[in-house]
C-alpha cells in the first residue's frame, strides 16, 4: 500500500470471523469456509460498511454534513448508510427505485426508522441519477449545507479500499491458504477490492464474482472505471486490469431482487444443513454459483474455498412475502 492510501473511519466490528462449514464441505467434497461479513455490525451489518468507512471519512474530511446515495427500496447499502449517518450526525438523502406503496418491511422499514430522507424514483430517473444528485447537491447548498455523493453500493475507487484491506485481514487471521474465493457481484466494488487486495498482498487466490444482476460485459465496464480510479488516485503502480477479473454469469435467475422456488428451497436447506442464512438477492445466488463451480470441476475436490457472506438479512426479511408453503416442502 502506498502513502496515498485513504484513511478510513472505524465503523465496522472487525475482524469478522472465518468459519468452516462442515456439512457443506462433506457434501461438496471441498474444504469450505465462510467469511462472516454479515457480522460487521448490527443494523450496519454487511459488506457495505467496510466501503462506507472510506466514503464517509472522505465526506467528513471535506466538511460535508449531508450524504446522498441511491438503491432499491430493499437496499442493504441504504440501510447501512442511514444507520451510519445517524451515528455520525449527518443528514442522509436516498433516491430509491420504487414508490411509496412499497411495504415498510426489512431494510426499507429500518431505513425509514433511521430517519433517511427518501425520494422514490422510477427506472428512467435511476438510470439518469447523476442529474438527481447534482440537483439535490445544489438544493442543499442553498440551505447552507454541503452534500457528498456516494454511488450505489459505495462501489467506486474510494469505497473499494474496504475490500482491499479485507484481504489483508483474511491473510492475517487465517492459516488456511485459500485456492478460491467466491463473492456476489451486485455493484462491483467488493469484487474489485478483493482482486486488488489479492494482488497487493500476494494471496494468489482465484476469485469468482457471481453476477446477481446485469452481466459480465456490464460489470467489466464498471470494474474498469473503478480500477482506473484506483490507479489514478491511489495505486499508480497497480498492474491489475479488468481482463484479470473473473465474472461468472448465469445465476441472476428471474432478475435483480427476484427469486424462484428452487432458490428459496436451497436457501432453506442450506440454513438447516449448517445454520448459514443467506438472502435471495445476493448471497444465495452466489452460493448457487459456488456449487456450479464445484459441479463443473472449476473448483476441484479437496481445494480450499472461501465464501464471502456479504450480509443481506434485512433484505431477506423484506422479501419474506415471496416465501410460500411450497418452499418449505421437501
C-alpha atoms as a PDB file:
ATOM      1  CA  UNK A   1       0.000   0.000   0.000  1.00  0.00           C
ATOM      2  CA  UNK A   2       1.280   3.456  -0.860  1.00  0.00           C
ATOM      3  CA  UNK A   3       1.406   6.659   1.252  1.00  0.00           C
ATOM      4  CA  UNK A   4      -1.580   7.872  -0.769  1.00  0.00           C
ATOM      5  CA  UNK A   5      -3.873   5.201   0.655  1.00  0.00           C
ATOM      6  CA  UNK A   6      -7.019   6.845   2.092  1.00  0.00           C
ATOM      7  CA  UNK A   7      -7.669   6.688   5.832  1.00  0.00           C
ATOM      8  CA  UNK A   8     -10.952   5.061   6.944  1.00  0.00           C
ATOM      9  CA  UNK A   9     -13.203   5.671   9.900  1.00  0.00           C
ATOM     10  CA  UNK A  10     -13.545   2.807  12.375  1.00  0.00           C
ATOM     11  CA  UNK A  11     -17.201   1.830  11.989  1.00  0.00           C
ATOM     12  CA  UNK A  12     -17.259  -1.949  11.422  1.00  0.00           C
ATOM     13  CA  UNK A  13     -16.724  -4.642  14.034  1.00  0.00           C
ATOM     14  CA  UNK A  14     -13.544  -6.198  12.667  1.00  0.00           C
ATOM     15  CA  UNK A  15     -12.130  -8.695  12.110  1.00  0.00           C
ATOM     16  CA  UNK A  16     -15.184 -10.718  11.210  1.00  0.00           C
ATOM     17  CA  UNK A  17     -14.788 -14.467  11.837  1.00  0.00           C
ATOM     18  CA  UNK A  18     -13.916 -17.140   9.300  1.00  0.00           C
ATOM     19  CA  UNK A  19     -15.802 -20.382   9.940  1.00  0.00           C
ATOM     20  CA  UNK A  20     -15.505 -23.825   8.408  1.00  0.00           C
ATOM     21  CA  UNK A  21     -18.780 -25.208   7.038  1.00  0.00           C
ATOM     22  CA  UNK A  22     -18.588 -28.878   7.929  1.00  0.00           C
ATOM     23  CA  UNK A  23     -21.729 -30.320   6.328  1.00  0.00           C
ATOM     24  CA  UNK A  24     -21.461 -28.443   3.001  1.00  0.00           C
ATOM     25  CA  UNK A  25     -17.738 -29.314   2.854  1.00  0.00           C
ATOM     26  CA  UNK A  26     -18.566 -33.001   3.189  1.00  0.00           C
ATOM     27  CA  UNK A  27     -21.392 -32.822   0.667  1.00  0.00           C
ATOM     28  CA  UNK A  28     -19.406 -30.902  -1.960  1.00  0.00           C
ATOM     29  CA  UNK A  29     -16.050 -32.595  -1.409  1.00  0.00           C
ATOM     30  CA  UNK A  30     -14.117 -29.351  -0.836  1.00  0.00           C
ATOM     31  CA  UNK A  31     -12.823 -27.536   2.232  1.00  0.00           C
ATOM     32  CA  UNK A  32     -15.389 -24.783   2.504  1.00  0.00           C
ATOM     33  CA  UNK A  33     -15.081 -21.721   4.737  1.00  0.00           C
ATOM     34  CA  UNK A  34     -17.192 -18.586   5.094  1.00  0.00           C
ATOM     35  CA  UNK A  35     -16.040 -15.045   5.871  1.00  0.00           C
ATOM     36  CA  UNK A  36     -18.854 -13.710   8.069  1.00  0.00           C
ATOM     37  CA  UNK A  37     -19.147 -10.139   6.829  1.00  0.00           C
ATOM     38  CA  UNK A  38     -22.796 -10.378   7.775  1.00  0.00           C
ATOM     39  CA  UNK A  39     -21.374  -9.745  11.261  1.00  0.00           C
ATOM     40  CA  UNK A  40     -19.689  -6.382  10.640  1.00  0.00           C
ATOM     41  CA  UNK A  41     -22.283  -4.835  12.946  1.00  0.00           C
ATOM     42  CA  UNK A  42     -25.920  -4.894  13.976  1.00  0.00           C
ATOM     43  CA  UNK A  43     -28.021  -2.526  11.881  1.00  0.00           C
ATOM     44  CA  UNK A  44     -24.839  -1.717   9.961  1.00  0.00           C
ATOM     45  CA  UNK A  45     -24.089  -5.367   9.129  1.00  0.00           C
ATOM     46  CA  UNK A  46     -22.890  -6.474   5.713  1.00  0.00           C
ATOM     47  CA  UNK A  47     -20.160  -5.684   3.230  1.00  0.00           C
ATOM     48  CA  UNK A  48     -21.250  -2.076   2.684  1.00  0.00           C
ATOM     49  CA  UNK A  49     -19.898  -0.798   5.998  1.00  0.00           C
ATOM     50  CA  UNK A  50     -16.326  -1.700   5.028  1.00  0.00           C
ATOM     51  CA  UNK A  51     -16.647   0.533   1.969  1.00  0.00           C
ATOM     52  CA  UNK A  52     -18.519   3.276   3.792  1.00  0.00           C
ATOM     53  CA  UNK A  53     -15.694   3.585   6.308  1.00  0.00           C
ATOM     54  CA  UNK A  54     -13.697   5.158   3.482  1.00  0.00           C
ATOM     55  CA  UNK A  55     -16.509   7.093   1.795  1.00  0.00           C
ATOM     56  CA  UNK A  56     -17.706   8.745   4.988  1.00  0.00           C
ATOM     57  CA  UNK A  57     -14.164   9.532   6.115  1.00  0.00           C
ATOM     58  CA  UNK A  58     -13.706  11.464   2.883  1.00  0.00           C
ATOM     59  CA  UNK A  59     -17.060  13.218   3.315  1.00  0.00           C
ATOM     60  CA  UNK A  60     -16.155  14.384   6.800  1.00  0.00           C
ATOM     61  CA  UNK A  61     -12.685  15.496   5.705  1.00  0.00           C
ATOM     62  CA  UNK A  62     -14.357  17.743   3.099  1.00  0.00           C
ATOM     63  CA  UNK A  63     -16.654  19.260   5.703  1.00  0.00           C
ATOM     64  CA  UNK A  64     -19.823  17.691   4.318  1.00  0.00           C
ATOM     65  CA  UNK A  65     -22.892  17.261   6.520  1.00  0.00           C
ATOM     66  CA  UNK A  66     -25.279  15.655   4.015  1.00  0.00           C
ATOM     67  CA  UNK A  67     -24.829  12.292   2.267  1.00  0.00           C
ATOM     68  CA  UNK A  68     -26.589  11.457  -0.997  1.00  0.00           C
ATOM     69  CA  UNK A  69     -26.905   7.942  -2.380  1.00  0.00           C
ATOM     70  CA  UNK A  70     -29.272   5.546  -4.143  1.00  0.00           C
ATOM     71  CA  UNK A  71     -30.503   1.971  -4.477  1.00  0.00           C
ATOM     72  CA  UNK A  72     -33.673  -0.120  -4.454  1.00  0.00           C
ATOM     73  CA  UNK A  73     -36.220   0.066  -1.648  1.00  0.00           C
ATOM     74  CA  UNK A  74     -34.681  -3.015  -0.010  1.00  0.00           C
ATOM     75  CA  UNK A  75     -31.149  -1.655  -0.343  1.00  0.00           C
ATOM     76  CA  UNK A  76     -28.634  -3.057   2.148  1.00  0.00           C
ATOM     77  CA  UNK A  77     -26.347  -0.161   1.286  1.00  0.00           C
ATOM     78  CA  UNK A  78     -29.010   2.452   2.011  1.00  0.00           C
ATOM     79  CA  UNK A  79     -29.933   0.877   5.340  1.00  0.00           C
ATOM     80  CA  UNK A  80     -26.301   0.738   6.475  1.00  0.00           C
ATOM     81  CA  UNK A  81     -25.689   4.286   5.249  1.00  0.00           C
ATOM     82  CA  UNK A  82     -28.767   5.619   7.052  1.00  0.00           C
ATOM     83  CA  UNK A  83     -27.572   3.993  10.288  1.00  0.00           C
ATOM     84  CA  UNK A  84     -24.044   5.350   9.974  1.00  0.00           C
ATOM     85  CA  UNK A  85     -25.294   8.844   9.131  1.00  0.00           C
ATOM     86  CA  UNK A  86     -27.467   8.826  12.242  1.00  0.00           C
ATOM     87  CA  UNK A  87     -24.455   7.652  14.260  1.00  0.00           C
ATOM     88  CA  UNK A  88     -22.240  10.411  12.829  1.00  0.00           C
ATOM     89  CA  UNK A  89     -24.900  13.152  12.991  1.00  0.00           C
ATOM     90  CA  UNK A  90     -25.062  13.503   9.205  1.00  0.00           C
ATOM     91  CA  UNK A  91     -28.196  14.040   7.142  1.00  0.00           C
ATOM     92  CA  UNK A  92     -28.936  11.246   4.663  1.00  0.00           C
ATOM     93  CA  UNK A  93     -30.937  11.559   1.447  1.00  0.00           C
ATOM     94  CA  UNK A  94     -31.614   8.418  -0.580  1.00  0.00           C
ATOM     95  CA  UNK A  95     -33.059   8.068  -4.075  1.00  0.00           C
ATOM     96  CA  UNK A  96     -34.765   4.677  -4.082  1.00  0.00           C
ATOM     97  CA  UNK A  97     -36.067   2.740  -7.057  1.00  0.00           C
ATOM     98  CA  UNK A  98     -39.697   2.086  -6.092  1.00  0.00           C
ATOM     99  CA  UNK A  99     -42.648   4.056  -4.772  1.00  0.00           C
ATOM    100  CA  UNK A 100     -44.490   4.955  -1.589  1.00  0.00           C
ATOM    101  CA  UNK A 101     -46.714   1.889  -1.893  1.00  0.00           C
ATOM    102  CA  UNK A 102     -43.741  -0.412  -1.169  1.00  0.00           C
ATOM    103  CA  UNK A 103     -44.304  -2.129   2.149  1.00  0.00           C
ATOM    104  CA  UNK A 104     -42.273  -0.936   5.101  1.00  0.00           C
ATOM    105  CA  UNK A 105     -40.507  -4.224   5.773  1.00  0.00           C
ATOM    106  CA  UNK A 106     -36.905  -5.321   6.141  1.00  0.00           C
ATOM    107  CA  UNK A 107     -34.318  -2.764   5.051  1.00  0.00           C
ATOM    108  CA  UNK A 108     -36.976  -0.312   3.902  1.00  0.00           C
ATOM    109  CA  UNK A 109     -38.512  -0.224   7.375  1.00  0.00           C
ATOM    110  CA  UNK A 110     -35.119   0.211   9.030  1.00  0.00           C
ATOM    111  CA  UNK A 111     -34.111   2.974   6.631  1.00  0.00           C
ATOM    112  CA  UNK A 112     -37.289   4.893   7.438  1.00  0.00           C
ATOM    113  CA  UNK A 113     -36.833   4.367  11.182  1.00  0.00           C
ATOM    114  CA  UNK A 114     -33.265   5.678  10.940  1.00  0.00           C
ATOM    115  CA  UNK A 115     -34.521   8.967   9.538  1.00  0.00           C
ATOM    116  CA  UNK A 116     -33.206   8.993   5.974  1.00  0.00           C
ATOM    117  CA  UNK A 117     -34.965  11.391   3.618  1.00  0.00           C
ATOM    118  CA  UNK A 118     -36.296   9.195   0.824  1.00  0.00           C
ATOM    119  CA  UNK A 119     -37.148  10.226  -2.721  1.00  0.00           C
ATOM    120  CA  UNK A 120     -38.824   7.449  -4.682  1.00  0.00           C
ATOM    121  CA  UNK A 121     -37.801   7.294  -8.336  1.00  0.00           C
ATOM    122  CA  UNK A 122     -38.617   5.220 -11.424  1.00  0.00           C
ATOM    123  CA  UNK A 123     -36.220   3.280 -13.639  1.00  0.00           C
ATOM    124  CA  UNK A 124     -35.735   6.159 -16.068  1.00  0.00           C
ATOM    125  CA  UNK A 125     -34.758   8.504 -13.224  1.00  0.00           C
ATOM    126  CA  UNK A 126     -32.485   5.866 -11.720  1.00  0.00           C
ATOM    127  CA  UNK A 127     -30.551   5.498 -14.967  1.00  0.00           C
ATOM    128  CA  UNK A 128     -30.085   9.286 -15.011  1.00  0.00           C
ATOM    129  CA  UNK A 129     -29.450   9.562 -11.265  1.00  0.00           C
ATOM    130  CA  UNK A 130     -26.384  11.796 -11.597  1.00  0.00           C
ATOM    131  CA  UNK A 131     -28.726  14.642 -12.531  1.00  0.00           C
ATOM    132  CA  UNK A 132     -30.765  13.964  -9.392  1.00  0.00           C
ATOM    133  CA  UNK A 133     -27.593  14.035  -7.312  1.00  0.00           C
ATOM    134  CA  UNK A 134     -26.434  17.325  -8.804  1.00  0.00           C
ATOM    135  CA  UNK A 135     -29.827  18.964  -8.302  1.00  0.00           C
ATOM    136  CA  UNK A 136     -30.027  17.737  -4.706  1.00  0.00           C
ATOM    137  CA  UNK A 137     -26.481  18.929  -4.029  1.00  0.00           C
ATOM    138  CA  UNK A 138     -27.421  22.405  -5.249  1.00  0.00           C
ATOM    139  CA  UNK A 139     -30.626  22.401  -3.170  1.00  0.00           C
ATOM    140  CA  UNK A 140     -28.701  21.518  -0.005  1.00  0.00           C
ATOM    141  CA  UNK A 141     -26.115  24.180  -0.769  1.00  0.00           C
ATOM    142  CA  UNK A 142     -28.849  26.825  -0.970  1.00  0.00           C
ATOM    143  CA  UNK A 143     -29.946  25.730   2.513  1.00  0.00           C
ATOM    144  CA  UNK A 144     -26.445  26.191   3.888  1.00  0.00           C
ATOM    145  CA  UNK A 145     -25.323  22.559   3.767  1.00  0.00           C
ATOM    146  CA  UNK A 146     -22.598  20.701   1.887  1.00  0.00           C
ATOM    147  CA  UNK A 147     -23.518  17.362   0.301  1.00  0.00           C
ATOM    148  CA  UNK A 148     -21.305  14.390  -0.586  1.00  0.00           C
ATOM    149  CA  UNK A 149     -22.371  11.844  -3.208  1.00  0.00           C
ATOM    150  CA  UNK A 150     -21.794   8.095  -2.748  1.00  0.00           C
ATOM    151  CA  UNK A 151     -22.614   5.760  -5.672  1.00  0.00           C
ATOM    152  CA  UNK A 152     -24.762   2.630  -5.441  1.00  0.00           C
ATOM    153  CA  UNK A 153     -23.137   0.213  -3.010  1.00  0.00           C
ATOM    154  CA  UNK A 154     -20.276   2.679  -2.399  1.00  0.00           C
ATOM    155  CA  UNK A 155     -18.702   0.956  -5.390  1.00  0.00           C
ATOM    156  CA  UNK A 156     -16.052   3.365  -6.577  1.00  0.00           C
ATOM    157  CA  UNK A 157     -12.290   3.591  -6.209  1.00  0.00           C
ATOM    158  CA  UNK A 158     -12.559   5.001  -2.694  1.00  0.00           C
ATOM    159  CA  UNK A 159     -15.122   2.519  -1.382  1.00  0.00           C
ATOM    160  CA  UNK A 160     -13.366  -0.486  -2.901  1.00  0.00           C
ATOM    161  CA  UNK A 161     -10.492   0.057  -0.467  1.00  0.00           C
ATOM    162  CA  UNK A 162     -12.680  -1.570   2.164  1.00  0.00           C
ATOM    163  CA  UNK A 163     -12.118  -4.906   0.472  1.00  0.00           C
ATOM    164  CA  UNK A 164      -8.504  -4.288  -0.399  1.00  0.00           C
ATOM    165  CA  UNK A 165      -7.941  -4.109   3.359  1.00  0.00           C
ATOM    166  CA  UNK A 166     -10.265  -7.081   3.935  1.00  0.00           C
ATOM    167  CA  UNK A 167      -7.780  -9.248   2.039  1.00  0.00           C
ATOM    168  CA  UNK A 168      -5.057  -8.221   4.471  1.00  0.00           C
ATOM    169  CA  UNK A 169      -7.407  -9.047   7.339  1.00  0.00           C
ATOM    170  CA  UNK A 170      -8.128 -12.517   5.942  1.00  0.00           C
ATOM    171  CA  UNK A 171      -4.440 -13.220   5.360  1.00  0.00           C
ATOM    172  CA  UNK A 172      -3.574 -12.255   8.932  1.00  0.00           C
ATOM    173  CA  UNK A 173      -6.358 -14.158  10.672  1.00  0.00           C
ATOM    174  CA  UNK A 174      -6.317 -17.477   8.813  1.00  0.00           C
ATOM    175  CA  UNK A 175      -3.583 -20.061   8.386  1.00  0.00           C
ATOM    176  CA  UNK A 176      -5.505 -21.647   5.504  1.00  0.00           C
ATOM    177  CA  UNK A 177      -4.148 -20.988   2.025  1.00  0.00           C
ATOM    178  CA  UNK A 178      -7.319 -20.470   0.027  1.00  0.00           C
ATOM    179  CA  UNK A 179      -7.398 -21.667  -3.565  1.00  0.00           C
ATOM    180  CA  UNK A 180     -10.687 -19.972  -4.426  1.00  0.00           C
ATOM    181  CA  UNK A 181     -12.770 -17.039  -3.167  1.00  0.00           C
ATOM    182  CA  UNK A 182     -16.423 -16.691  -4.193  1.00  0.00           C
ATOM    183  CA  UNK A 183     -18.464 -13.494  -3.814  1.00  0.00           C
ATOM    184  CA  UNK A 184     -21.693 -11.980  -5.136  1.00  0.00           C
ATOM    185  CA  UNK A 185     -21.404  -9.076  -7.580  1.00  0.00           C
ATOM    186  CA  UNK A 186     -24.200  -6.514  -7.356  1.00  0.00           C
ATOM    187  CA  UNK A 187     -22.391  -3.222  -7.907  1.00  0.00           C
ATOM    188  CA  UNK A 188     -18.785  -4.290  -8.479  1.00  0.00           C
ATOM    189  CA  UNK A 189     -16.774  -2.623  -5.721  1.00  0.00           C
ATOM    190  CA  UNK A 190     -16.410  -5.622  -3.434  1.00  0.00           C
ATOM    191  CA  UNK A 191     -15.049  -7.864  -6.185  1.00  0.00           C
ATOM    192  CA  UNK A 192     -12.627  -5.210  -7.454  1.00  0.00           C
ATOM    193  CA  UNK A 193     -11.384  -4.556  -3.917  1.00  0.00           C
ATOM    194  CA  UNK A 194     -10.782  -8.264  -3.339  1.00  0.00           C
ATOM    195  CA  UNK A 195      -8.956  -8.599  -6.655  1.00  0.00           C
ATOM    196  CA  UNK A 196      -6.738  -5.592  -5.925  1.00  0.00           C
ATOM    197  CA  UNK A 197      -6.036  -6.844  -2.406  1.00  0.00           C
ATOM    198  CA  UNK A 198      -5.225 -10.265  -3.829  1.00  0.00           C
ATOM    199  CA  UNK A 199      -2.565  -8.636  -5.995  1.00  0.00           C
ATOM    200  CA  UNK A 200      -1.242  -6.191  -3.386  1.00  0.00           C
ATOM    201  CA  UNK A 201      -0.980  -8.774  -0.600  1.00  0.00           C
ATOM    202  CA  UNK A 202       0.146 -11.610  -2.922  1.00  0.00           C
ATOM    203  CA  UNK A 203      -2.513 -14.159  -1.966  1.00  0.00           C
ATOM    204  CA  UNK A 204      -2.769 -15.978  -5.314  1.00  0.00           C
ATOM    205  CA  UNK A 205      -6.488 -16.678  -4.927  1.00  0.00           C
ATOM    206  CA  UNK A 206      -8.744 -17.478  -7.851  1.00  0.00           C
ATOM    207  CA  UNK A 207     -11.606 -15.046  -7.254  1.00  0.00           C
ATOM    208  CA  UNK A 208     -15.020 -15.776  -8.762  1.00  0.00           C
ATOM    209  CA  UNK A 209     -17.561 -12.954  -8.894  1.00  0.00           C
ATOM    210  CA  UNK A 210     -21.081 -14.298  -9.321  1.00  0.00           C
ATOM    211  CA  UNK A 211     -23.207 -11.681 -11.087  1.00  0.00           C
ATOM    212  CA  UNK A 212     -26.653 -11.317  -9.482  1.00  0.00           C
ATOM    213  CA  UNK A 213     -27.852  -8.678 -11.950  1.00  0.00           C
ATOM    214  CA  UNK A 214     -26.714  -7.461 -15.384  1.00  0.00           C
ATOM    215  CA  UNK A 215     -23.810  -9.495 -16.837  1.00  0.00           C
ATOM    216  CA  UNK A 216     -20.030  -9.710 -17.181  1.00  0.00           C
ATOM    217  CA  UNK A 217     -19.944  -7.140 -20.001  1.00  0.00           C
ATOM    218  CA  UNK A 218     -21.707  -4.540 -17.856  1.00  0.00           C
ATOM    219  CA  UNK A 219     -19.636  -5.267 -14.771  1.00  0.00           C
ATOM    220  CA  UNK A 220     -16.472  -5.253 -16.832  1.00  0.00           C
ATOM    221  CA  UNK A 221     -17.150  -1.614 -17.665  1.00  0.00           C
ATOM    222  CA  UNK A 222     -17.912  -0.811 -14.019  1.00  0.00           C
ATOM    223  CA  UNK A 223     -14.756  -2.570 -12.857  1.00  0.00           C
ATOM    224  CA  UNK A 224     -12.632  -0.751 -15.423  1.00  0.00           C
ATOM    225  CA  UNK A 225     -13.829   2.616 -14.097  1.00  0.00           C
ATOM    226  CA  UNK A 226     -13.051   1.596 -10.513  1.00  0.00           C
ATOM    227  CA  UNK A 227      -9.612   0.268 -11.446  1.00  0.00           C
ATOM    228  CA  UNK A 228      -8.821   3.410 -13.419  1.00  0.00           C
ATOM    229  CA  UNK A 229      -9.767   5.498 -10.387  1.00  0.00           C
ATOM    230  CA  UNK A 230      -7.602   3.405  -8.079  1.00  0.00           C
ATOM    231  CA  UNK A 231      -4.581   3.711 -10.361  1.00  0.00           C
ATOM    232  CA  UNK A 232      -5.079   7.425 -10.852  1.00  0.00           C
ATOM    233  CA  UNK A 233      -5.739   8.393  -7.248  1.00  0.00           C
ATOM    234  CA  UNK A 234      -4.070   5.833  -5.012  1.00  0.00           C
ATOM    235  CA  UNK A 235      -2.175   2.921  -6.595  1.00  0.00           C
ATOM    236  CA  UNK A 236      -0.291   4.149  -9.691  1.00  0.00           C
ATOM    237  CA  UNK A 237       1.873   1.020  -9.822  1.00  0.00           C
ATOM    238  CA  UNK A 238      -1.094  -1.377  -9.863  1.00  0.00           C
ATOM    239  CA  UNK A 239      -0.850  -3.628 -12.934  1.00  0.00           C
ATOM    240  CA  UNK A 240      -4.204  -5.393 -12.483  1.00  0.00           C
ATOM    241  CA  UNK A 241      -6.611  -4.898 -15.392  1.00  0.00           C
ATOM    242  CA  UNK A 242     -10.233  -5.777 -15.974  1.00  0.00           C
ATOM    243  CA  UNK A 243      -9.278  -8.840 -18.045  1.00  0.00           C
ATOM    244  CA  UNK A 244      -7.792 -10.331 -14.867  1.00  0.00           C
ATOM    245  CA  UNK A 245     -11.204 -10.356 -13.168  1.00  0.00           C
ATOM    246  CA  UNK A 246     -13.472 -13.390 -13.344  1.00  0.00           C
ATOM    247  CA  UNK A 247     -17.188 -12.638 -13.615  1.00  0.00           C
ATOM    248  CA  UNK A 248     -19.490 -15.676 -13.615  1.00  0.00           C
ATOM    249  CA  UNK A 249     -22.866 -15.222 -15.315  1.00  0.00           C
ATOM    250  CA  UNK A 250     -25.927 -17.430 -15.240  1.00  0.00           C
ATOM    251  CA  UNK A 251     -27.228 -17.015 -11.695  1.00  0.00           C
ATOM    252  CA  UNK A 252     -29.333 -13.856 -11.676  1.00  0.00           C
ATOM    253  CA  UNK A 253     -32.433 -16.009 -12.169  1.00  0.00           C
ATOM    254  CA  UNK A 254     -35.581 -14.007 -12.842  1.00  0.00           C
ATOM    255  CA  UNK A 255     -33.685 -10.756 -12.339  1.00  0.00           C
ATOM    256  CA  UNK A 256     -32.447  -8.455  -9.608  1.00  0.00           C
ATOM    257  CA  UNK A 257     -34.377  -8.844  -6.375  1.00  0.00           C
ATOM    258  CA  UNK A 258     -36.380 -11.769  -7.740  1.00  0.00           C
ATOM    259  CA  UNK A 259     -36.271 -15.387  -6.647  1.00  0.00           C
ATOM    260  CA  UNK A 260     -37.883 -18.665  -7.620  1.00  0.00           C
ATOM    261  CA  UNK A 261     -38.973 -21.747  -5.695  1.00  0.00           C
ATOM    262  CA  UNK A 262     -35.724 -23.611  -6.409  1.00  0.00           C
ATOM    263  CA  UNK A 263     -33.563 -20.818  -4.968  1.00  0.00           C
ATOM    264  CA  UNK A 264     -35.771 -20.360  -1.910  1.00  0.00           C
ATOM    265  CA  UNK A 265     -35.741 -24.087  -1.201  1.00  0.00           C
ATOM    266  CA  UNK A 266     -31.957 -24.186  -1.500  1.00  0.00           C
ATOM    267  CA  UNK A 267     -31.715 -21.242   0.892  1.00  0.00           C
ATOM    268  CA  UNK A 268     -33.860 -23.055   3.446  1.00  0.00           C
ATOM    269  CA  UNK A 269     -31.984 -26.349   3.007  1.00  0.00           C
ATOM    270  CA  UNK A 270     -28.592 -24.676   3.482  1.00  0.00           C
ATOM    271  CA  UNK A 271     -29.786 -22.893   6.619  1.00  0.00           C
ATOM    272  CA  UNK A 272     -30.998 -26.183   8.079  1.00  0.00           C
ATOM    273  CA  UNK A 273     -27.859 -28.010   6.947  1.00  0.00           C
ATOM    274  CA  UNK A 274     -25.355 -25.775   8.728  1.00  0.00           C
ATOM    275  CA  UNK A 275     -27.084 -22.712  10.221  1.00  0.00           C
ATOM    276  CA  UNK A 276     -25.889 -20.346   7.497  1.00  0.00           C
ATOM    277  CA  UNK A 277     -28.710 -17.981   6.476  1.00  0.00           C
ATOM    278  CA  UNK A 278     -28.256 -16.292   3.094  1.00  0.00           C
ATOM    279  CA  UNK A 279     -30.544 -13.893   1.226  1.00  0.00           C
ATOM    280  CA  UNK A 280     -32.398 -14.374  -2.099  1.00  0.00           C
ATOM    281  CA  UNK A 281     -30.996 -11.234  -3.786  1.00  0.00           C
ATOM    282  CA  UNK A 282     -27.215 -11.601  -3.443  1.00  0.00           C
ATOM    283  CA  UNK A 283     -25.634 -14.331  -1.367  1.00  0.00           C
ATOM    284  CA  UNK A 284     -27.871 -17.287  -2.252  1.00  0.00           C
ATOM    285  CA  UNK A 285     -27.289 -16.648  -5.948  1.00  0.00           C
ATOM    286  CA  UNK A 286     -23.555 -16.500  -5.239  1.00  0.00           C
ATOM    287  CA  UNK A 287     -23.848 -19.823  -3.398  1.00  0.00           C
ATOM    288  CA  UNK A 288     -25.572 -21.355  -6.411  1.00  0.00           C
ATOM    289  CA  UNK A 289     -22.625 -20.150  -8.456  1.00  0.00           C
ATOM    290  CA  UNK A 290     -20.201 -21.748  -5.997  1.00  0.00           C
ATOM    291  CA  UNK A 291     -21.936 -25.126  -6.215  1.00  0.00           C
ATOM    292  CA  UNK A 292     -21.910 -24.888 -10.007  1.00  0.00           C
ATOM    293  CA  UNK A 293     -18.148 -24.214  -9.980  1.00  0.00           C
ATOM    294  CA  UNK A 294     -17.724 -27.413  -7.946  1.00  0.00           C
ATOM    295  CA  UNK A 295     -20.038 -29.398 -10.255  1.00  0.00           C
ATOM    296  CA  UNK A 296     -18.044 -28.221 -13.296  1.00  0.00           C
ATOM    297  CA  UNK A 297     -14.715 -29.039 -11.613  1.00  0.00           C
ATOM    298  CA  UNK A 298     -13.575 -25.421 -11.775  1.00  0.00           C
ATOM    299  CA  UNK A 299     -13.188 -25.924  -8.048  1.00  0.00           C
ATOM    300  CA  UNK A 300     -11.614 -29.346  -7.640  1.00  0.00           C
ATOM    301  CA  UNK A 301     -12.072 -31.890  -4.830  1.00  0.00           C
ATOM    302  CA  UNK A 302     -10.048 -31.094  -1.723  1.00  0.00           C
ATOM    303  CA  UNK A 303      -9.386 -27.443  -2.592  1.00  0.00           C
ATOM    304  CA  UNK A 304      -9.823 -24.676  -0.017  1.00  0.00           C
ATOM    305  CA  UNK A 305     -12.698 -22.310  -0.768  1.00  0.00           C
ATOM    306  CA  UNK A 306     -13.676 -19.084   0.993  1.00  0.00           C
ATOM    307  CA  UNK A 307     -17.218 -17.807   0.521  1.00  0.00           C
ATOM    308  CA  UNK A 308     -17.702 -14.115   1.345  1.00  0.00           C
ATOM    309  CA  UNK A 309     -21.004 -13.670   3.202  1.00  0.00           C
ATOM    310  CA  UNK A 310     -21.807 -10.048   2.326  1.00  0.00           C
ATOM    311  CA  UNK A 311     -24.891  -9.865   4.546  1.00  0.00           C
ATOM    312  CA  UNK A 312     -28.472  -9.257   3.478  1.00  0.00           C
ATOM    313  CA  UNK A 313     -30.607 -10.382   6.417  1.00  0.00           C
ATOM    314  CA  UNK A 314     -32.621  -7.162   6.267  1.00  0.00           C
ATOM    315  CA  UNK A 315     -33.257  -7.747   2.597  1.00  0.00           C
ATOM    316  CA  UNK A 316     -34.290 -11.347   3.292  1.00  0.00           C
ATOM    317  CA  UNK A 317     -36.885 -10.137   5.781  1.00  0.00           C
ATOM    318  CA  UNK A 318     -38.078  -7.588   3.234  1.00  0.00           C
ATOM    319  CA  UNK A 319     -38.694 -10.410   0.745  1.00  0.00           C
ATOM    320  CA  UNK A 320     -40.447 -12.662   3.256  1.00  0.00           C
ATOM    321  CA  UNK A 321     -43.732 -12.360   1.396  1.00  0.00           C
ATOM    322  CA  UNK A 322     -42.233 -14.273  -1.522  1.00  0.00           C
ATOM    323  CA  UNK A 323     -41.853 -17.425   0.571  1.00  0.00           C
ATOM    324  CA  UNK A 324     -44.788 -19.814   0.359  1.00  0.00           C
ATOM    325  CA  UNK A 325     -45.775 -23.157   1.871  1.00  0.00           C
ATOM    326  CA  UNK A 326     -44.317 -24.945  -1.159  1.00  0.00           C
ATOM    327  CA  UNK A 327     -40.873 -23.581  -0.384  1.00  0.00           C
ATOM    328  CA  UNK A 328     -40.747 -25.497   2.894  1.00  0.00           C
ATOM    329  CA  UNK A 329     -41.936 -28.782   1.405  1.00  0.00           C
ATOM    330  CA  UNK A 330     -39.197 -31.251   0.542  1.00  0.00           C
END
